[in-house]
Amino acid sequence: MLARITARSARLAVPRVSPVAARGYAENSFNKKEKAHEDQYARQHEAEQLKKLKAELEKKKEELAQLEKQHEELSAKKS
């Protein structure tokens, strides 16, 4: 009798996971649409950040070219 009780409680103690919980969301058209919008927003945000970084890089390149020119002019004056 004790063995039956132990076996029964062991079966009840195992948590059951539904397939929906394993995926984290239900597969329906609303969720697919929402995920698509989130993905699109993320891509746009990354593209904007990349554009800003490229602009900043160009600005720094121009600044570096100016400093190199100044350095060459100062080196020429010393010689």
PDB file of N, CA and C in Angstrom:
ATOM      1  N   MET A   1       0.820  -1.176   0.000  1.00  0.00           N
ATOM      2  CA  MET A   1       0.000   0.000   0.000  1.00  0.00           C
ATOM      3  C   MET A   1       0.875   1.255   0.000  1.00  0.00           C
ATOM      4  N   LEU A   2       1.934   1.254   0.781  1.00  0.00           N
ATOM      5  CA  LEU A   2       2.846   2.393   0.810  1.00  0.00           C
ATOM      6  C   LEU A   2       3.496   2.594  -0.556  1.00  0.00           C
ATOM      7  N   ALA A   3       3.812   1.511  -1.236  1.00  0.00           N
ATOM      8  CA  ALA A   3       4.422   1.614  -2.562  1.00  0.00           C
ATOM      9  C   ALA A   3       3.457   2.279  -3.541  1.00  0.00           C
ATOM     10  N   ARG A   4       2.155   1.945  -3.435  1.00  0.00           N
ATOM     11  CA  ARG A   4       1.152   2.546  -4.321  1.00  0.00           C
ATOM     12  C   ARG A   4       1.034   4.037  -4.076  1.00  0.00           C
ATOM     13  N   ILE A   5       1.047   4.458  -2.844  1.00  0.00           N
ATOM     14  CA  ILE A   5       0.929   5.870  -2.495  1.00  0.00           C
ATOM     15  C   ILE A   5       2.153   6.636  -2.991  1.00  0.00           C
ATOM     16  N   THR A   6       3.338   6.048  -2.791  1.00  0.00           N
ATOM     17  CA  THR A   6       4.572   6.700  -3.220  1.00  0.00           C
ATOM     18  C   THR A   6       4.613   6.841  -4.741  1.00  0.00           C
ATOM     19  N   ALA A   7       4.230   5.803  -5.445  1.00  0.00           N
ATOM     20  CA  ALA A   7       4.241   5.855  -6.908  1.00  0.00           C
ATOM     21  C   ALA A   7       3.247   6.896  -7.414  1.00  0.00           C
ATOM     22  N   ARG A   8       2.083   6.958  -6.789  1.00  0.00           N
ATOM     23  CA  ARG A   8       1.065   7.913  -7.196  1.00  0.00           C
ATOM     24  C   ARG A   8       1.529   9.349  -6.939  1.00  0.00           C
ATOM     25  N   SER A   9       2.133   9.618  -5.770  1.00  0.00           N
ATOM     26  CA  SER A   9       2.590  10.967  -5.483  1.00  0.00           C
ATOM     27  C   SER A   9       3.776  11.347  -6.354  1.00  0.00           C
ATOM     28  N   ALA A  10       4.586  10.388  -6.764  1.00  0.00           N
ATOM     29  CA  ALA A  10       5.708  10.691  -7.648  1.00  0.00           C
ATOM     30  C   ALA A  10       5.187  11.130  -9.011  1.00  0.00           C
ATOM     31  N   ARG A  11       4.119  10.504  -9.488  1.00  0.00           N
ATOM     32  CA  ARG A  11       3.534  10.891 -10.777  1.00  0.00           C
ATOM     33  C   ARG A  11       2.914  12.277 -10.689  1.00  0.00           C
ATOM     34  N   LEU A  12       2.301  12.602  -9.581  1.00  0.00           N
ATOM     35  CA  LEU A  12       1.660  13.905  -9.419  1.00  0.00           C
ATOM     36  C   LEU A  12       2.682  15.021  -9.249  1.00  0.00           C
ATOM     37  N   ALA A  13       3.872  14.692  -8.731  1.00  0.00           N
ATOM     38  CA  ALA A  13       4.880  15.703  -8.468  1.00  0.00           C
ATOM     39  C   ALA A  13       5.554  16.197  -9.750  1.00  0.00           C
ATOM     40  N   VAL A  14       5.480  15.429 -10.827  1.00  0.00           N
ATOM     41  CA  VAL A  14       6.126  15.823 -12.085  1.00  0.00           C
ATOM     42  C   VAL A  14       5.294  16.914 -12.743  1.00  0.00           C
ATOM     43  N   PRO A  15       5.871  18.080 -12.960  1.00  0.00           N
ATOM     44  CA  PRO A  15       5.101  19.156 -13.597  1.00  0.00           C
ATOM     45  C   PRO A  15       4.864  18.849 -15.076  1.00  0.00           C
ATOM     46  N   ARG A  16       3.682  19.172 -15.508  1.00  0.00           N
ATOM     47  CA  ARG A  16       3.356  18.948 -16.908  1.00  0.00           C
ATOM     48  C   ARG A  16       3.480  20.275 -17.648  1.00  0.00           C
ATOM     49  N   VAL A  17       4.166  20.237 -18.769  1.00  0.00           N
ATOM     50  CA  VAL A  17       4.388  21.438 -19.558  1.00  0.00           C
ATOM     51  C   VAL A  17       3.600  21.313 -20.850  1.00  0.00           C
ATOM     52  N   SER A  18       2.808  22.321 -21.094  1.00  0.00           N
ATOM     53  CA  SER A  18       2.040  22.302 -22.335  1.00  0.00           C
ATOM     54  C   SER A  18       2.924  22.765 -23.483  1.00  0.00           C
ATOM     55  N   PRO A  19       2.635  22.370 -24.715  1.00  0.00           N
ATOM     56  CA  PRO A  19       3.451  22.787 -25.848  1.00  0.00           C
ATOM     57  C   PRO A  19       3.461  24.307 -26.036  1.00  0.00           C
ATOM     58  N   VAL A  20       2.381  24.982 -25.688  1.00  0.00           N
ATOM     59  CA  VAL A  20       2.323  26.437 -25.823  1.00  0.00           C
ATOM     60  C   VAL A  20       3.318  27.084 -24.867  1.00  0.00           C
ATOM     61  N   ALA A  21       3.415  26.583 -23.654  1.00  0.00           N
ATOM     62  CA  ALA A  21       4.336  27.157 -22.676  1.00  0.00           C
ATOM     63  C   ALA A  21       5.774  26.921 -23.101  1.00  0.00           C
ATOM     64  N   ALA A  22       6.059  25.832 -23.763  1.00  0.00           N
ATOM     65  CA  ALA A  22       7.415  25.544 -24.192  1.00  0.00           C
ATOM     66  C   ALA A  22       7.862  26.539 -25.263  1.00  0.00           C
ATOM     67  N   ARG A  23       6.957  26.957 -26.138  1.00  0.00           N
ATOM     68  CA  ARG A  23       7.296  27.916 -27.183  1.00  0.00           C
ATOM     69  C   ARG A  23       7.328  29.333 -26.627  1.00  0.00           C
ATOM     70  N   GLY A  24       6.587  29.593 -25.624  1.00  0.00           N
ATOM     71  CA  GLY A  24       6.532  30.912 -25.047  1.00  0.00           C
ATOM     72  C   GLY A  24       5.396  31.757 -25.597  1.00  0.00           C
ATOM     73  N   TYR A  25       4.778  31.334 -26.654  1.00  0.00           N
ATOM     74  CA  TYR A  25       3.648  32.063 -27.215  1.00  0.00           C
ATOM     75  C   TYR A  25       2.814  31.103 -28.057  1.00  0.00           C
ATOM     76  N   ALA A  26       1.586  31.437 -28.246  1.00  0.00           N
ATOM     77  CA  ALA A  26       0.704  30.604 -29.053  1.00  0.00           C
ATOM     78  C   ALA A  26       0.908  30.940 -30.525  1.00  0.00           C
ATOM     79  N   GLU A  27       0.804  29.963 -31.368  1.00  0.00           N
ATOM     80  CA  GLU A  27       0.951  30.154 -32.810  1.00  0.00           C
ATOM     81  C   GLU A  27      -0.378  30.611 -33.389  1.00  0.00           C
ATOM     82  N   ASN A  28      -0.570  31.902 -33.502  1.00  0.00           N
ATOM     83  CA  ASN A  28      -1.752  32.392 -34.196  1.00  0.00           C
ATOM     84  C   ASN A  28      -1.356  33.600 -35.033  1.00  0.00           C
ATOM     85  N   SER A  29      -2.269  34.054 -35.862  1.00  0.00           N
ATOM     86  CA  SER A  29      -1.929  35.119 -36.807  1.00  0.00           C
ATOM     87  C   SER A  29      -1.590  36.427 -36.101  1.00  0.00           C
ATOM     88  N   PHE A  30      -2.247  36.722 -34.998  1.00  0.00           N
ATOM     89  CA  PHE A  30      -1.944  37.963 -34.285  1.00  0.00           C
ATOM     90  C   PHE A  30      -0.506  37.956 -33.782  1.00  0.00           C
ATOM     91  N   ASN A  31      -0.082  36.857 -33.175  1.00  0.00           N
ATOM     92  CA  ASN A  31       1.275  36.783 -32.648  1.00  0.00           C
ATOM     93  C   ASN A  31       2.309  36.820 -33.768  1.00  0.00           C
ATOM     94  N   LYS A  32       2.012  36.192 -34.887  1.00  0.00           N
ATOM     95  CA  LYS A  32       2.940  36.231 -36.018  1.00  0.00           C
ATOM     96  C   LYS A  32       3.074  37.667 -36.529  1.00  0.00           C
ATOM     97  N   LYS A  33       1.956  38.368 -36.619  1.00  0.00           N
ATOM     98  CA  LYS A  33       1.966  39.749 -37.086  1.00  0.00           C
ATOM     99  C   LYS A  33       2.734  40.636 -36.099  1.00  0.00           C
ATOM    100  N   GLU A  34       2.491  40.431 -34.826  1.00  0.00           N
ATOM    101  CA  GLU A  34       3.170  41.212 -33.801  1.00  0.00           C
ATOM    102  C   GLU A  34       4.682  40.972 -33.851  1.00  0.00           C
ATOM    103  N   LYS A  35       5.082  39.717 -34.002  1.00  0.00           N
ATOM    104  CA  LYS A  35       6.508  39.390 -34.095  1.00  0.00           C
ATOM    105  C   LYS A  35       7.121  40.017 -35.340  1.00  0.00           C
ATOM    106  N   ALA A  36       6.390  40.016 -36.441  1.00  0.00           N
ATOM    107  CA  ALA A  36       6.881  40.629 -37.673  1.00  0.00           C
ATOM    108  C   ALA A  36       7.094  42.129 -37.478  1.00  0.00           C
ATOM    109  N   HIS A  37       6.159  42.789 -36.788  1.00  0.00           N
ATOM    110  CA  HIS A  37       6.303  44.222 -36.515  1.00  0.00           C
ATOM    111  C   HIS A  37       7.503  44.487 -35.611  1.00  0.00           C
ATOM    112  N   GLU A  38       7.702  43.650 -34.614  1.00  0.00           N
ATOM    113  CA  GLU A  38       8.839  43.811 -33.711  1.00  0.00           C
ATOM    114  C   GLU A  38      10.147  43.627 -34.467  1.00  0.00           C
ATOM    115  N   ASP A  39      10.196  42.616 -35.334  1.00  0.00           N
ATOM    116  CA  ASP A  39      11.398  42.377 -36.128  1.00  0.00           C
ATOM    117  C   ASP A  39      11.678  43.552 -37.062  1.00  0.00           C
ATOM    118  N   GLN A  40      10.633  44.078 -37.673  1.00  0.00           N
ATOM    119  CA  GLN A  40      10.789  45.214 -38.577  1.00  0.00           C
ATOM    120  C   GLN A  40      11.308  46.427 -37.810  1.00  0.00           C
ATOM    121  N   TYR A  41      10.761  46.684 -36.635  1.00  0.00           N
ATOM    122  CA  TYR A  41      11.216  47.804 -35.809  1.00  0.00           C
ATOM    123  C   TYR A  41      12.689  47.627 -35.451  1.00  0.00           C
ATOM    124  N   ALA A  42      13.069  46.404 -35.076  1.00  0.00           N
ATOM    125  CA  ALA A  42      14.455  46.150 -34.693  1.00  0.00           C
ATOM    126  C   ALA A  42      15.387  46.395 -35.878  1.00  0.00           C
ATOM    127  N   ARG A  43      15.002  45.944 -37.065  1.00  0.00           N
ATOM    128  CA  ARG A  43      15.839  46.169 -38.250  1.00  0.00           C
ATOM    129  C   ARG A  43      15.974  47.656 -38.557  1.00  0.00           C
ATOM    130  N   GLN A  44      14.873  48.402 -38.467  1.00  0.00           N
ATOM    131  CA  GLN A  44      14.916  49.841 -38.727  1.00  0.00           C
ATOM    132  C   GLN A  44      15.797  50.558 -37.704  1.00  0.00           C
ATOM    133  N   HIS A  45      15.664  50.160 -36.458  1.00  0.00           N
ATOM    134  CA  HIS A  45      16.464  50.774 -35.393  1.00  0.00           C
ATOM    135  C   HIS A  45      17.952  50.513 -35.624  1.00  0.00           C
ATOM    136  N   GLU A  46      18.299  49.281 -35.987  1.00  0.00           N
ATOM    137  CA  GLU A  46      19.690  48.941 -36.256  1.00  0.00           C
ATOM    138  C   GLU A  46      20.209  49.704 -37.472  1.00  0.00           C
ATOM    139  N   ALA A  47      19.370  49.863 -38.498  1.00  0.00           N
ATOM    140  CA  ALA A  47      19.777  50.606 -39.691  1.00  0.00           C
ATOM    141  C   ALA A  47      20.042  52.072 -39.344  1.00  0.00           C
ATOM    142  N   GLU A  48      19.197  52.664 -38.504  1.00  0.00           N
ATOM    143  CA  GLU A  48      19.401  54.047 -38.079  1.00  0.00           C
ATOM    144  C   GLU A  48      20.695  54.192 -37.282  1.00  0.00           C
ATOM    145  N   GLN A  49      20.945  53.246 -36.393  1.00  0.00           N
ATOM    146  CA  GLN A  49      22.167  53.294 -35.601  1.00  0.00           C
ATOM    147  C   GLN A  49      23.393  53.164 -36.507  1.00  0.00           C
ATOM    148  N   LEU A  50      23.314  52.267 -37.481  1.00  0.00           N
ATOM    149  CA  LEU A  50      24.421  52.076 -38.408  1.00  0.00           C
ATOM    150  C   LEU A  50      24.665  53.339 -39.229  1.00  0.00           C
ATOM    151  N   LYS A  51      23.594  53.982 -39.655  1.00  0.00           N
ATOM    152  CA  LYS A  51      23.711  55.223 -40.417  1.00  0.00           C
ATOM    153  C   LYS A  51      24.401  56.303 -39.579  1.00  0.00           C
ATOM    154  N   LYS A  52      24.019  56.421 -38.312  1.00  0.00           N
ATOM    155  CA  LYS A  52      24.637  57.399 -37.417  1.00  0.00           C
ATOM    156  C   LYS A  52      26.121  57.098 -37.214  1.00  0.00           C
ATOM    157  N   LEU A  53      26.438  55.814 -37.039  1.00  0.00           N
ATOM    158  CA  LEU A  53      27.835  55.436 -36.833  1.00  0.00           C
ATOM    159  C   LEU A  53      28.675  55.728 -38.071  1.00  0.00           C
ATOM    160  N   LYS A  54      28.114  55.492 -39.260  1.00  0.00           N
ATOM    161  CA  LYS A  54      28.849  55.776 -40.494  1.00  0.00           C
ATOM    162  C   LYS A  54      29.098  57.268 -40.629  1.00  0.00           C
ATOM    163  N   ALA A  55      28.093  58.080 -40.305  1.00  0.00           N
ATOM    164  CA  ALA A  55      28.259  59.528 -40.363  1.00  0.00           C
ATOM    165  C   ALA A  55      29.333  59.987 -39.379  1.00  0.00           C
ATOM    166  N   GLU A  56      29.315  59.417 -38.194  1.00  0.00           N
ATOM    167  CA  GLU A  56      30.314  59.762 -37.190  1.00  0.00           C
ATOM    168  C   GLU A  56      31.708  59.344 -37.648  1.00  0.00           C
ATOM    169  N   LEU A  57      31.804  58.187 -38.280  1.00  0.00           N
ATOM    170  CA  LEU A  57      33.080  57.705 -38.791  1.00  0.00           C
ATOM    171  C   LEU A  57      33.621  58.645 -39.866  1.00  0.00           C
ATOM    172  N   GLU A  58      32.768  59.096 -40.769  1.00  0.00           N
ATOM    173  CA  GLU A  58      33.194  60.037 -41.809  1.00  0.00           C
ATOM    174  C   GLU A  58      33.686  61.344 -41.190  1.00  0.00           C
ATOM    175  N   LYS A  59      32.986  61.801 -40.182  1.00  0.00           N
ATOM    176  CA  LYS A  59      33.388  63.039 -39.491  1.00  0.00           C
ATOM    177  C   LYS A  59      34.764  62.867 -38.855  1.00  0.00           C
ATOM    178  N   LYS A  60      34.984  61.734 -38.230  1.00  0.00           N
ATOM    179  CA  LYS A  60      36.279  61.469 -37.589  1.00  0.00           C
ATOM    180  C   LYS A  60      37.389  61.347 -38.630  1.00  0.00           C
ATOM    181  N   LYS A  61      37.083  60.768 -39.799  1.00  0.00           N
ATOM    182  CA  LYS A  61      38.082  60.652 -40.865  1.00  0.00           C
ATOM    183  C   LYS A  61      38.499  62.033 -41.357  1.00  0.00           C
ATOM    184  N   GLU A  62      37.516  62.929 -41.519  1.00  0.00           N
ATOM    185  CA  GLU A  62      37.815  64.294 -41.944  1.00  0.00           C
ATOM    186  C   GLU A  62      38.667  65.010 -40.893  1.00  0.00           C
ATOM    187  N   GLU A  63      38.320  64.795 -39.647  1.00  0.00           N
ATOM    188  CA  GLU A  63      39.072  65.400 -38.552  1.00  0.00           C
ATOM    189  C   GLU A  63      40.510  64.891 -38.544  1.00  0.00           C
ATOM    190  N   LEU A  64      40.677  63.597 -38.762  1.00  0.00           N
ATOM    191  CA  LEU A  64      42.007  63.000 -38.802  1.00  0.00           C
ATOM    192  C   LEU A  64      42.812  63.555 -39.973  1.00  0.00           C
ATOM    193  N   ALA A  65      42.181  63.711 -41.123  1.00  0.00           N
ATOM    194  CA  ALA A  65      42.875  64.259 -42.292  1.00  0.00           C
ATOM    195  C   ALA A  65      43.347  65.686 -42.005  1.00  0.00           C
ATOM    196  N   GLN A  66      42.524  66.465 -41.330  1.00  0.00           N
ATOM    197  CA  GLN A  66      42.910  67.837 -40.966  1.00  0.00           C
ATOM    198  C   GLN A  66      44.106  67.838 -40.026  1.00  0.00           C
ATOM    199  N   LEU A  67      44.069  66.959 -39.034  1.00  0.00           N
ATOM    200  CA  LEU A  67      45.174  66.894 -38.067  1.00  0.00           C
ATOM    201  C   LEU A  67      46.463  66.439 -38.749  1.00  0.00           C
ATOM    202  N   GLU A  68      46.360  65.482 -39.676  1.00  0.00           N
ATOM    203  CA  GLU A  68      47.551  65.031 -40.394  1.00  0.00           C
ATOM    204  C   GLU A  68      48.126  66.161 -41.248  1.00  0.00           C
ATOM    205  N   LYS A  69      47.244  66.957 -41.858  1.00  0.00           N
ATOM    206  CA  LYS A  69      47.694  68.086 -42.666  1.00  0.00           C
ATOM    207  C   LYS A  69      48.418  69.103 -41.789  1.00  0.00           C
ATOM    208  N   GLN A  70      47.843  69.398 -40.612  1.00  0.00           N
ATOM    209  CA  GLN A  70      48.480  70.329 -39.680  1.00  0.00           C
ATOM    210  C   GLN A  70      49.841  69.802 -39.233  1.00  0.00           C
ATOM    211  N   HIS A  71      49.924  68.511 -39.005  1.00  0.00           N
ATOM    212  CA  HIS A  71      51.167  67.888 -38.559  1.00  0.00           C
ATOM    213  C   HIS A  71      52.235  68.011 -39.653  1.00  0.00           C
ATOM    214  N   GLU A  72      51.832  67.760 -40.885  1.00  0.00           N
ATOM    215  CA  GLU A  72      52.784  67.875 -41.994  1.00  0.00           C
ATOM    216  C   GLU A  72      53.280  69.313 -42.146  1.00  0.00           C
ATOM    217  N   GLU A  73      52.370  70.289 -41.996  1.00  0.00           N
ATOM    218  CA  GLU A  73      52.749  71.691 -42.103  1.00  0.00           C
ATOM    219  C   GLU A  73      53.740  72.074 -40.999  1.00  0.00           C
ATOM    220  N   LEU A  74      53.480  71.601 -39.778  1.00  0.00           N
ATOM    221  CA  LEU A  74      54.388  71.897 -38.668  1.00  0.00           C
ATOM    222  C   LEU A  74      55.728  71.216 -38.863  1.00  0.00           C
ATOM    223  N   SER A  75      55.716  70.021 -39.387  1.00  0.00           N
ATOM    224  CA  SER A  75      56.969  69.296 -39.642  1.00  0.00           C
ATOM    225  C   SER A  75      57.767  70.000 -40.731  1.00  0.00           C
ATOM    226  N   ALA A  76      57.104  70.525 -41.726  1.00  0.00           N
ATOM    227  CA  ALA A  76      57.788  71.234 -42.814  1.00  0.00           C
ATOM    228  C   ALA A  76      58.398  72.537 -42.310  1.00  0.00           C
ATOM    229  N   LYS A  77      57.736  73.213 -41.390  1.00  0.00           N
ATOM    230  CA  LYS A  77      58.262  74.467 -40.836  1.00  0.00           C
ATOM    231  C   LYS A  77      59.520  74.236 -40.007  1.00  0.00           C
ATOM    232  N   LYS A  78      59.572  73.106 -39.298  1.00  0.00           N
ATOM    233  CA  LYS A  78      60.718  72.791 -38.453  1.00  0.00           C
ATOM    234  C   LYS A  78      61.941  72.449 -39.286  1.00  0.00           C
ATOM    235  N   SER A  79      61.723  71.900 -40.445  1.00  0.00           N
ATOM    236  CA  SER A  79      62.856  71.462 -41.280  1.00  0.00           C
ATOM    237  C   SER A  79      63.552  72.563 -41.989  1.00  0.00           C
TER     238      SER A  79
END
